[in-house]
Amino acid sequence: MIIALVVIGFIFLIGIFFYNSLIGKKNQVTNAFSAIDVMLKKRFDLIPNLVEVVKQYTTYEQGTLTKIVELRAKAGSPNISNAEKADLDAQLGNSVKGLMVNIENYPDLKANTNFINLQTTWTESEEQIAAARRTYNASVTDYNNSIMMFPGSLFAGMLNFQAIAVLETAAEERKNISAKELFNN
């Protein structure tokens, strides 16, 4: 009888250990996604300044500027899911990249100190977002490994822990860049 109680107690303690470990890893994933959210907010806050500086020098990029402002407004909405945030982030990033390429047509804007500072800040934001995404994906991988590998998979299944998807790069962003196409535009 005592042996049975010791074995049951040992199994119970192992269960508590795995449960706490899984909760900790799930919280790390949530924290990592929150870091991405903070970086995106910082980037979204840069957009109005960038748009205003560009507006002063350009007359032909109004459609792109309007699209960027609309995407920023959607991304700032409190009622969107994480998947929608990621999608809006990708669209916004592509729109701003397109705008930055078109800036080459405006030498006065390229020489503007405010624009140069904004462009530098934008680049730093993009690097911070990329680092936050890597951290998020590492946390997700660690969590997913914990719930998929034995013996954690036994407890994860009983406690209904589900795998979480990593953030992936859109297929169009994975394409090789053609220098020929860049210089022919």
N, C-alpha and C. Protein backbone atom coordinates (compact mmCIF):
# COMPACT_ATOMS: atom_id res chain seq x y z
N MET A 1 0.82 -1.19 0.00
CA MET A 1 0.00 0.00 0.00
C MET A 1 0.87 1.26 0.00
N ILE A 2 1.90 1.29 0.82
CA ILE A 2 2.79 2.45 0.91
C ILE A 2 3.51 2.64 -0.43
N ILE A 3 3.93 1.54 -1.03
CA ILE A 3 4.63 1.62 -2.32
C ILE A 3 3.70 2.22 -3.37
N ALA A 4 2.46 1.82 -3.39
CA ALA A 4 1.47 2.36 -4.35
C ALA A 4 1.29 3.86 -4.14
N LEU A 5 1.21 4.30 -2.88
CA LEU A 5 1.07 5.72 -2.60
C LEU A 5 2.31 6.51 -3.04
N VAL A 6 3.48 5.95 -2.82
CA VAL A 6 4.73 6.60 -3.24
C VAL A 6 4.77 6.72 -4.76
N VAL A 7 4.38 5.66 -5.46
CA VAL A 7 4.38 5.68 -6.93
C VAL A 7 3.37 6.71 -7.44
N ILE A 8 2.18 6.73 -6.86
CA ILE A 8 1.15 7.69 -7.27
C ILE A 8 1.63 9.11 -6.97
N GLY A 9 2.24 9.32 -5.81
CA GLY A 9 2.77 10.64 -5.46
C GLY A 9 3.87 11.07 -6.41
N PHE A 10 4.74 10.13 -6.80
CA PHE A 10 5.82 10.42 -7.73
C PHE A 10 5.25 10.80 -9.10
N ILE A 11 4.28 10.06 -9.57
CA ILE A 11 3.63 10.37 -10.86
C ILE A 11 2.95 11.72 -10.78
N PHE A 12 2.31 12.00 -9.66
CA PHE A 12 1.65 13.29 -9.47
C PHE A 12 2.67 14.43 -9.52
N LEU A 13 3.82 14.27 -8.87
CA LEU A 13 4.86 15.30 -8.89
C LEU A 13 5.43 15.49 -10.29
N ILE A 14 5.61 14.42 -11.02
CA ILE A 14 6.09 14.52 -12.40
C ILE A 14 5.05 15.27 -13.25
N GLY A 15 3.78 14.97 -13.02
CA GLY A 15 2.71 15.66 -13.74
C GLY A 15 2.72 17.16 -13.46
N ILE A 16 2.91 17.51 -12.20
CA ILE A 16 2.99 18.94 -11.83
C ILE A 16 4.18 19.59 -12.52
N PHE A 17 5.32 18.90 -12.52
CA PHE A 17 6.51 19.43 -13.17
C PHE A 17 6.25 19.70 -14.65
N PHE A 18 5.69 18.71 -15.36
CA PHE A 18 5.44 18.89 -16.79
C PHE A 18 4.38 19.96 -17.05
N TYR A 19 3.36 20.00 -16.23
CA TYR A 19 2.32 21.02 -16.39
C TYR A 19 2.92 22.41 -16.24
N ASN A 20 3.69 22.63 -15.18
CA ASN A 20 4.31 23.93 -14.95
C ASN A 20 5.29 24.28 -16.07
N SER A 21 6.01 23.30 -16.55
CA SER A 21 6.95 23.52 -17.64
C SER A 21 6.21 23.95 -18.91
N LEU A 22 5.11 23.27 -19.22
CA LEU A 22 4.33 23.61 -20.41
C LEU A 22 3.70 25.00 -20.28
N ILE A 23 3.19 25.32 -19.11
CA ILE A 23 2.61 26.65 -18.89
C ILE A 23 3.70 27.72 -19.06
N GLY A 24 4.87 27.47 -18.51
CA GLY A 24 5.98 28.42 -18.65
C GLY A 24 6.36 28.65 -20.10
N LYS A 25 6.41 27.58 -20.87
CA LYS A 25 6.78 27.70 -22.29
C LYS A 25 5.67 28.38 -23.09
N LYS A 26 4.43 28.11 -22.74
CA LYS A 26 3.32 28.78 -23.43
C LYS A 26 3.34 30.28 -23.11
N ASN A 27 3.68 30.62 -21.87
CA ASN A 27 3.79 32.04 -21.49
C ASN A 27 4.95 32.71 -22.22
N GLN A 28 6.04 31.98 -22.46
CA GLN A 28 7.16 32.53 -23.23
C GLN A 28 6.71 32.86 -24.65
N VAL A 29 5.90 31.99 -25.24
CA VAL A 29 5.38 32.24 -26.58
C VAL A 29 4.53 33.50 -26.58
N THR A 30 3.65 33.62 -25.60
CA THR A 30 2.79 34.80 -25.51
C THR A 30 3.63 36.07 -25.33
N ASN A 31 4.63 35.99 -24.49
CA ASN A 31 5.52 37.13 -24.25
C ASN A 31 6.28 37.49 -25.52
N ALA A 32 6.76 36.50 -26.26
CA ALA A 32 7.50 36.77 -27.50
C ALA A 32 6.59 37.43 -28.53
N PHE A 33 5.32 36.99 -28.61
CA PHE A 33 4.41 37.63 -29.55
C PHE A 33 4.10 39.06 -29.11
N SER A 34 4.03 39.29 -27.82
CA SER A 34 3.81 40.64 -27.32
C SER A 34 4.96 41.56 -27.70
N ALA A 35 6.18 41.03 -27.70
CA ALA A 35 7.34 41.82 -28.11
C ALA A 35 7.20 42.23 -29.58
N ILE A 36 6.72 41.31 -30.41
CA ILE A 36 6.48 41.64 -31.82
C ILE A 36 5.43 42.73 -31.90
N ASP A 37 4.38 42.60 -31.12
CA ASP A 37 3.31 43.59 -31.11
C ASP A 37 3.84 44.98 -30.75
N VAL A 38 4.73 45.05 -29.76
CA VAL A 38 5.31 46.32 -29.34
C VAL A 38 6.15 46.92 -30.48
N MET A 39 6.93 46.08 -31.15
CA MET A 39 7.76 46.56 -32.26
C MET A 39 6.89 47.04 -33.42
N LEU A 40 5.80 46.32 -33.68
CA LEU A 40 4.90 46.74 -34.76
C LEU A 40 4.25 48.08 -34.42
N LYS A 41 3.89 48.26 -33.15
CA LYS A 41 3.30 49.53 -32.72
C LYS A 41 4.30 50.66 -32.96
N LYS A 42 5.55 50.42 -32.63
CA LYS A 42 6.59 51.43 -32.85
C LYS A 42 6.68 51.76 -34.34
N ARG A 43 6.65 50.73 -35.17
CA ARG A 43 6.72 50.95 -36.60
C ARG A 43 5.48 51.69 -37.10
N PHE A 44 4.30 51.30 -36.60
CA PHE A 44 3.08 51.99 -37.01
C PHE A 44 3.11 53.46 -36.62
N ASP A 45 3.74 53.78 -35.51
CA ASP A 45 3.85 55.16 -35.07
C ASP A 45 4.78 55.99 -35.97
N LEU A 46 5.70 55.33 -36.65
CA LEU A 46 6.59 56.03 -37.57
C LEU A 46 5.90 56.40 -38.88
N ILE A 47 4.87 55.66 -39.23
CA ILE A 47 4.25 55.82 -40.54
C ILE A 47 3.72 57.22 -40.80
N PRO A 48 2.97 57.84 -39.87
CA PRO A 48 2.47 59.19 -40.18
C PRO A 48 3.59 60.18 -40.48
N ASN A 49 4.69 60.10 -39.74
CA ASN A 49 5.82 61.00 -39.99
C ASN A 49 6.43 60.74 -41.36
N LEU A 50 6.62 59.48 -41.69
CA LEU A 50 7.18 59.11 -42.98
C LEU A 50 6.27 59.60 -44.11
N VAL A 51 4.98 59.38 -43.97
CA VAL A 51 4.02 59.78 -45.00
C VAL A 51 4.03 61.30 -45.19
N GLU A 52 4.06 62.04 -44.09
CA GLU A 52 4.04 63.51 -44.20
C GLU A 52 5.29 64.05 -44.89
N VAL A 53 6.44 63.50 -44.56
CA VAL A 53 7.68 63.97 -45.20
C VAL A 53 7.65 63.63 -46.68
N VAL A 54 7.22 62.44 -47.02
CA VAL A 54 7.17 62.03 -48.43
C VAL A 54 6.15 62.87 -49.19
N LYS A 55 5.01 63.19 -48.57
CA LYS A 55 3.97 64.00 -49.22
C LYS A 55 4.50 65.36 -49.65
N GLN A 56 5.41 65.91 -48.88
CA GLN A 56 5.95 67.23 -49.19
C GLN A 56 6.73 67.25 -50.50
N TYR A 57 7.25 66.10 -50.90
CA TYR A 57 8.13 66.06 -52.06
C TYR A 57 7.53 65.33 -53.26
N THR A 58 6.54 64.50 -53.04
CA THR A 58 6.03 63.69 -54.14
C THR A 58 4.61 64.09 -54.49
N THR A 59 4.31 63.88 -55.74
CA THR A 59 2.94 64.08 -56.19
C THR A 59 2.39 62.83 -56.85
N TYR A 60 3.26 61.92 -57.18
CA TYR A 60 2.85 60.74 -57.94
C TYR A 60 2.60 59.50 -57.10
N GLU A 61 2.95 59.52 -55.83
CA GLU A 61 2.85 58.33 -55.00
C GLU A 61 1.65 58.37 -54.06
N GLN A 62 0.64 59.17 -54.36
CA GLN A 62 -0.51 59.33 -53.46
C GLN A 62 -1.25 58.01 -53.21
N GLY A 63 -1.39 57.18 -54.23
CA GLY A 63 -2.07 55.89 -54.05
C GLY A 63 -1.35 55.01 -53.05
N THR A 64 -0.04 54.96 -53.14
CA THR A 64 0.76 54.15 -52.21
C THR A 64 0.65 54.72 -50.80
N LEU A 65 0.73 56.04 -50.68
CA LEU A 65 0.64 56.67 -49.36
C LEU A 65 -0.73 56.41 -48.73
N THR A 66 -1.79 56.50 -49.53
CA THR A 66 -3.14 56.23 -49.03
C THR A 66 -3.25 54.80 -48.54
N LYS A 67 -2.71 53.86 -49.32
CA LYS A 67 -2.76 52.45 -48.94
C LYS A 67 -2.02 52.22 -47.62
N ILE A 68 -0.87 52.84 -47.46
CA ILE A 68 -0.08 52.69 -46.23
C ILE A 68 -0.87 53.21 -45.03
N VAL A 69 -1.49 54.37 -45.18
CA VAL A 69 -2.27 54.95 -44.08
C VAL A 69 -3.46 54.04 -43.73
N GLU A 70 -4.14 53.49 -44.76
CA GLU A 70 -5.28 52.59 -44.51
C GLU A 70 -4.83 51.32 -43.79
N LEU A 71 -3.71 50.74 -44.22
CA LEU A 71 -3.20 49.52 -43.56
C LEU A 71 -2.83 49.80 -42.11
N ARG A 72 -2.23 50.98 -41.86
CA ARG A 72 -1.87 51.34 -40.49
C ARG A 72 -3.13 51.45 -39.63
N ALA A 73 -4.17 52.05 -40.17
CA ALA A 73 -5.42 52.19 -39.41
C ALA A 73 -6.01 50.83 -39.08
N LYS A 74 -6.01 49.92 -40.04
CA LYS A 74 -6.54 48.57 -39.79
C LYS A 74 -5.71 47.86 -38.74
N ALA A 75 -4.39 47.99 -38.84
CA ALA A 75 -3.49 47.29 -37.91
C ALA A 75 -3.63 47.83 -36.49
N GLY A 76 -4.04 49.08 -36.35
CA GLY A 76 -4.21 49.66 -35.03
C GLY A 76 -5.51 49.30 -34.36
N SER A 77 -6.38 48.61 -35.08
CA SER A 77 -7.67 48.21 -34.53
C SER A 77 -7.47 47.18 -33.41
N PRO A 78 -8.17 47.35 -32.28
CA PRO A 78 -7.97 46.44 -31.15
C PRO A 78 -8.63 45.07 -31.35
N ASN A 79 -9.51 44.93 -32.31
CA ASN A 79 -10.29 43.70 -32.46
C ASN A 79 -9.79 42.79 -33.57
N ILE A 80 -8.49 42.77 -33.85
CA ILE A 80 -8.01 41.88 -34.89
C ILE A 80 -7.18 40.75 -34.27
N SER A 81 -7.21 39.63 -34.94
CA SER A 81 -6.50 38.45 -34.43
C SER A 81 -5.01 38.56 -34.73
N ASN A 82 -4.23 37.67 -34.13
CA ASN A 82 -2.80 37.65 -34.37
C ASN A 82 -2.49 37.34 -35.83
N ALA A 83 -3.28 36.45 -36.43
CA ALA A 83 -3.08 36.10 -37.84
C ALA A 83 -3.34 37.31 -38.73
N GLU A 84 -4.39 38.07 -38.41
CA GLU A 84 -4.69 39.28 -39.19
C GLU A 84 -3.60 40.33 -39.01
N LYS A 85 -3.05 40.43 -37.79
CA LYS A 85 -1.95 41.37 -37.55
C LYS A 85 -0.75 40.99 -38.41
N ALA A 86 -0.45 39.70 -38.46
CA ALA A 86 0.69 39.24 -39.25
C ALA A 86 0.48 39.54 -40.74
N ASP A 87 -0.76 39.33 -41.22
CA ASP A 87 -1.08 39.60 -42.62
C ASP A 87 -0.96 41.09 -42.93
N LEU A 88 -1.52 41.93 -42.07
CA LEU A 88 -1.42 43.38 -42.27
C LEU A 88 0.03 43.85 -42.20
N ASP A 89 0.80 43.24 -41.32
CA ASP A 89 2.22 43.56 -41.20
C ASP A 89 2.94 43.28 -42.51
N ALA A 90 2.65 42.13 -43.12
CA ALA A 90 3.28 41.77 -44.39
C ALA A 90 2.88 42.75 -45.49
N GLN A 91 1.59 43.07 -45.57
CA GLN A 91 1.13 44.02 -46.59
C GLN A 91 1.76 45.39 -46.40
N LEU A 92 1.81 45.84 -45.16
CA LEU A 92 2.37 47.15 -44.86
C LEU A 92 3.86 47.18 -45.20
N GLY A 93 4.56 46.13 -44.82
CA GLY A 93 6.00 46.05 -45.12
C GLY A 93 6.26 46.12 -46.62
N ASN A 94 5.45 45.39 -47.41
CA ASN A 94 5.61 45.42 -48.85
C ASN A 94 5.31 46.80 -49.43
N SER A 95 4.28 47.46 -48.91
CA SER A 95 3.93 48.80 -49.41
C SER A 95 5.04 49.80 -49.12
N VAL A 96 5.60 49.75 -47.91
CA VAL A 96 6.66 50.69 -47.57
C VAL A 96 7.93 50.39 -48.36
N LYS A 97 8.21 49.10 -48.58
CA LYS A 97 9.38 48.75 -49.41
C LYS A 97 9.22 49.33 -50.81
N GLY A 98 8.01 49.21 -51.36
CA GLY A 98 7.75 49.78 -52.68
C GLY A 98 7.92 51.29 -52.68
N LEU A 99 7.48 51.93 -51.62
CA LEU A 99 7.63 53.38 -51.51
C LEU A 99 9.11 53.75 -51.45
N MET A 100 9.88 53.01 -50.68
CA MET A 100 11.31 53.31 -50.54
C MET A 100 12.03 53.17 -51.89
N VAL A 101 11.61 52.18 -52.69
CA VAL A 101 12.21 52.02 -54.02
C VAL A 101 11.86 53.22 -54.90
N ASN A 102 10.62 53.69 -54.82
CA ASN A 102 10.19 54.83 -55.64
C ASN A 102 10.82 56.15 -55.19
N ILE A 103 11.34 56.21 -54.00
CA ILE A 103 11.98 57.42 -53.49
C ILE A 103 13.18 57.79 -54.36
N GLU A 104 13.77 56.80 -55.01
CA GLU A 104 14.92 57.06 -55.88
C GLU A 104 14.59 58.11 -56.95
N ASN A 105 13.31 58.26 -57.28
CA ASN A 105 12.90 59.23 -58.30
C ASN A 105 12.84 60.65 -57.76
N TYR A 106 13.10 60.85 -56.47
CA TYR A 106 12.98 62.17 -55.85
C TYR A 106 14.28 62.53 -55.13
N PRO A 107 15.25 63.08 -55.86
CA PRO A 107 16.55 63.39 -55.24
C PRO A 107 16.46 64.37 -54.07
N ASP A 108 15.54 65.33 -54.14
CA ASP A 108 15.40 66.29 -53.03
C ASP A 108 14.96 65.58 -51.75
N LEU A 109 14.07 64.62 -51.90
CA LEU A 109 13.59 63.87 -50.74
C LEU A 109 14.70 63.00 -50.16
N LYS A 110 15.47 62.36 -51.03
CA LYS A 110 16.57 61.51 -50.56
C LYS A 110 17.59 62.31 -49.76
N ALA A 111 17.71 63.60 -50.04
CA ALA A 111 18.68 64.44 -49.36
C ALA A 111 18.10 65.11 -48.10
N ASN A 112 16.79 64.99 -47.88
CA ASN A 112 16.14 65.63 -46.74
C ASN A 112 16.55 64.94 -45.44
N THR A 113 17.03 65.73 -44.48
CA THR A 113 17.52 65.19 -43.21
C THR A 113 16.42 64.46 -42.44
N ASN A 114 15.23 65.03 -42.41
CA ASN A 114 14.12 64.36 -41.71
C ASN A 114 13.84 63.00 -42.32
N PHE A 115 13.84 62.94 -43.65
CA PHE A 115 13.57 61.67 -44.32
C PHE A 115 14.68 60.66 -44.03
N ILE A 116 15.91 61.12 -44.07
CA ILE A 116 17.04 60.21 -43.80
C ILE A 116 16.93 59.65 -42.39
N ASN A 117 16.59 60.51 -41.42
CA ASN A 117 16.42 60.05 -40.03
C ASN A 117 15.27 59.05 -39.92
N LEU A 118 14.16 59.36 -40.57
CA LEU A 118 13.02 58.44 -40.55
C LEU A 118 13.37 57.11 -41.20
N GLN A 119 14.09 57.18 -42.31
CA GLN A 119 14.48 55.96 -43.01
C GLN A 119 15.40 55.11 -42.13
N THR A 120 16.32 55.74 -41.42
CA THR A 120 17.21 55.02 -40.51
C THR A 120 16.41 54.38 -39.37
N THR A 121 15.48 55.15 -38.80
CA THR A 121 14.65 54.62 -37.72
C THR A 121 13.80 53.46 -38.23
N TRP A 122 13.27 53.59 -39.43
CA TRP A 122 12.46 52.52 -40.04
C TRP A 122 13.31 51.24 -40.17
N THR A 123 14.53 51.39 -40.67
CA THR A 123 15.41 50.24 -40.84
C THR A 123 15.71 49.58 -39.50
N GLU A 124 15.96 50.39 -38.48
CA GLU A 124 16.20 49.84 -37.14
C GLU A 124 14.97 49.10 -36.63
N SER A 125 13.78 49.66 -36.88
CA SER A 125 12.54 49.00 -36.47
C SER A 125 12.39 47.66 -37.16
N GLU A 126 12.68 47.62 -38.45
CA GLU A 126 12.57 46.37 -39.20
C GLU A 126 13.52 45.31 -38.63
N GLU A 127 14.72 45.74 -38.26
CA GLU A 127 15.68 44.81 -37.68
C GLU A 127 15.20 44.30 -36.32
N GLN A 128 14.61 45.19 -35.52
CA GLN A 128 14.08 44.77 -34.22
C GLN A 128 12.90 43.83 -34.39
N ILE A 129 12.05 44.08 -35.37
CA ILE A 129 10.92 43.19 -35.63
C ILE A 129 11.42 41.82 -36.07
N ALA A 130 12.43 41.80 -36.92
CA ALA A 130 13.00 40.53 -37.37
C ALA A 130 13.58 39.75 -36.18
N ALA A 131 14.26 40.44 -35.28
CA ALA A 131 14.81 39.78 -34.10
C ALA A 131 13.69 39.26 -33.20
N ALA A 132 12.62 40.05 -33.04
CA ALA A 132 11.49 39.61 -32.21
C ALA A 132 10.80 38.40 -32.84
N ARG A 133 10.72 38.36 -34.16
CA ARG A 133 10.13 37.20 -34.85
C ARG A 133 10.99 35.94 -34.63
N ARG A 134 12.31 36.12 -34.69
CA ARG A 134 13.19 34.97 -34.44
C ARG A 134 13.01 34.45 -33.02
N THR A 135 12.90 35.37 -32.06
CA THR A 135 12.68 34.97 -30.67
C THR A 135 11.35 34.25 -30.52
N TYR A 136 10.31 34.78 -31.16
CA TYR A 136 8.99 34.15 -31.12
C TYR A 136 9.06 32.74 -31.70
N ASN A 137 9.67 32.60 -32.87
CA ASN A 137 9.75 31.28 -33.49
C ASN A 137 10.56 30.30 -32.64
N ALA A 138 11.60 30.79 -31.98
CA ALA A 138 12.38 29.92 -31.09
C ALA A 138 11.52 29.47 -29.91
N SER A 139 10.73 30.39 -29.35
CA SER A 139 9.85 30.04 -28.23
C SER A 139 8.77 29.05 -28.66
N VAL A 140 8.21 29.27 -29.85
CA VAL A 140 7.19 28.35 -30.37
C VAL A 140 7.79 26.97 -30.60
N THR A 141 8.97 26.91 -31.16
CA THR A 141 9.63 25.62 -31.41
C THR A 141 9.90 24.89 -30.11
N ASP A 142 10.37 25.61 -29.10
CA ASP A 142 10.63 25.01 -27.80
C ASP A 142 9.34 24.46 -27.19
N TYR A 143 8.27 25.26 -27.25
CA TYR A 143 6.96 24.84 -26.73
C TYR A 143 6.45 23.62 -27.50
N ASN A 144 6.48 23.71 -28.83
CA ASN A 144 5.98 22.59 -29.65
C ASN A 144 6.78 21.32 -29.40
N ASN A 145 8.09 21.44 -29.25
CA ASN A 145 8.90 20.26 -28.93
C ASN A 145 8.47 19.66 -27.60
N SER A 146 8.17 20.51 -26.63
CA SER A 146 7.77 20.03 -25.31
C SER A 146 6.46 19.25 -25.35
N ILE A 147 5.51 19.69 -26.19
CA ILE A 147 4.23 18.99 -26.21
C ILE A 147 4.21 17.83 -27.19
N MET A 148 5.21 17.73 -28.04
CA MET A 148 5.23 16.66 -29.03
C MET A 148 6.19 15.52 -28.68
N MET A 149 7.14 15.78 -27.79
CA MET A 149 8.14 14.77 -27.45
C MET A 149 7.73 14.03 -26.18
N PHE A 150 8.06 12.77 -26.14
CA PHE A 150 7.77 11.93 -24.99
C PHE A 150 8.68 12.34 -23.84
N PRO A 151 8.24 12.40 -22.63
CA PRO A 151 6.93 12.08 -22.07
C PRO A 151 5.99 13.28 -22.00
N GLY A 152 6.49 14.47 -22.41
CA GLY A 152 5.65 15.67 -22.37
C GLY A 152 4.39 15.53 -23.20
N SER A 153 4.47 14.74 -24.27
CA SER A 153 3.30 14.56 -25.14
C SER A 153 2.15 13.87 -24.40
N LEU A 154 2.48 13.01 -23.44
CA LEU A 154 1.43 12.34 -22.65
C LEU A 154 0.65 13.36 -21.84
N PHE A 155 1.37 14.22 -21.16
CA PHE A 155 0.72 15.22 -20.32
C PHE A 155 0.05 16.31 -21.17
N ALA A 156 0.69 16.70 -22.26
CA ALA A 156 0.12 17.73 -23.13
C ALA A 156 -1.20 17.25 -23.73
N GLY A 157 -1.24 15.99 -24.11
CA GLY A 157 -2.48 15.44 -24.66
C GLY A 157 -3.59 15.41 -23.63
N MET A 158 -3.26 14.98 -22.42
CA MET A 158 -4.27 14.93 -21.36
C MET A 158 -4.76 16.32 -20.96
N LEU A 159 -3.86 17.30 -21.03
CA LEU A 159 -4.19 18.66 -20.60
C LEU A 159 -4.62 19.57 -21.76
N ASN A 160 -4.74 18.97 -22.95
CA ASN A 160 -5.25 19.66 -24.14
C ASN A 160 -4.38 20.84 -24.59
N PHE A 161 -3.06 20.69 -24.51
CA PHE A 161 -2.16 21.70 -25.06
C PHE A 161 -2.06 21.45 -26.56
N GLN A 162 -2.15 22.52 -27.35
CA GLN A 162 -2.12 22.42 -28.80
C GLN A 162 -0.85 23.07 -29.36
N ALA A 163 -0.40 22.54 -30.49
CA ALA A 163 0.77 23.13 -31.16
C ALA A 163 0.42 24.53 -31.66
N ILE A 164 1.44 25.37 -31.72
CA ILE A 164 1.29 26.75 -32.19
C ILE A 164 2.13 26.88 -33.45
N ALA A 165 1.60 27.59 -34.44
CA ALA A 165 2.31 27.77 -35.70
C ALA A 165 3.40 28.83 -35.56
N VAL A 166 4.53 28.60 -36.21
CA VAL A 166 5.60 29.60 -36.25
C VAL A 166 5.23 30.65 -37.29
N LEU A 167 5.83 31.82 -37.18
CA LEU A 167 5.64 32.87 -38.19
C LEU A 167 6.49 32.51 -39.40
N GLU A 168 5.88 32.57 -40.56
CA GLU A 168 6.59 32.21 -41.79
C GLU A 168 6.70 33.42 -42.70
N THR A 169 7.73 33.42 -43.50
CA THR A 169 7.92 34.47 -44.49
C THR A 169 7.05 34.18 -45.70
N ALA A 170 6.41 35.21 -46.22
CA ALA A 170 5.57 35.03 -47.41
C ALA A 170 6.43 34.56 -48.58
N ALA A 171 5.82 33.76 -49.45
CA ALA A 171 6.55 33.19 -50.59
C ALA A 171 7.19 34.27 -51.46
N GLU A 172 6.52 35.39 -51.65
CA GLU A 172 7.06 36.44 -52.51
C GLU A 172 8.30 37.08 -51.90
N GLU A 173 8.42 37.06 -50.58
CA GLU A 173 9.60 37.63 -49.93
C GLU A 173 10.78 36.68 -49.96
N ARG A 174 10.55 35.42 -50.28
CA ARG A 174 11.63 34.43 -50.34
C ARG A 174 12.33 34.41 -51.69
N LYS A 175 11.73 35.06 -52.69
CA LYS A 175 12.30 35.06 -54.03
C LYS A 175 13.64 35.78 -54.03
N ASN A 176 14.53 35.33 -54.92
CA ASN A 176 15.80 36.03 -55.09
C ASN A 176 15.54 37.38 -55.73
N ILE A 177 16.28 38.37 -55.31
CA ILE A 177 16.15 39.70 -55.87
C ILE A 177 17.00 39.78 -57.13
N SER A 178 16.40 40.28 -58.19
CA SER A 178 17.13 40.44 -59.45
C SER A 178 17.67 41.85 -59.53
N ALA A 179 18.97 41.99 -59.52
CA ALA A 179 19.59 43.30 -59.64
C ALA A 179 19.26 43.93 -60.99
N LYS A 180 19.15 43.12 -62.01
CA LYS A 180 18.80 43.62 -63.33
C LYS A 180 17.45 44.31 -63.30
N GLU A 181 16.46 43.69 -62.65
CA GLU A 181 15.14 44.30 -62.57
C GLU A 181 15.15 45.57 -61.72
N LEU A 182 15.95 45.60 -60.68
CA LEU A 182 16.04 46.79 -59.85
C LEU A 182 16.58 47.99 -60.63
N PHE A 183 17.60 47.75 -61.46
CA PHE A 183 18.23 48.84 -62.18
C PHE A 183 17.49 49.21 -63.45
N ASN A 184 16.60 48.35 -63.92
CA ASN A 184 15.84 48.67 -65.13
C ASN A 184 14.59 49.46 -64.84
N ASN A 185 14.21 49.60 -63.58
CA ASN A 185 12.98 50.37 -63.25
C ASN A 185 13.21 51.84 -63.28
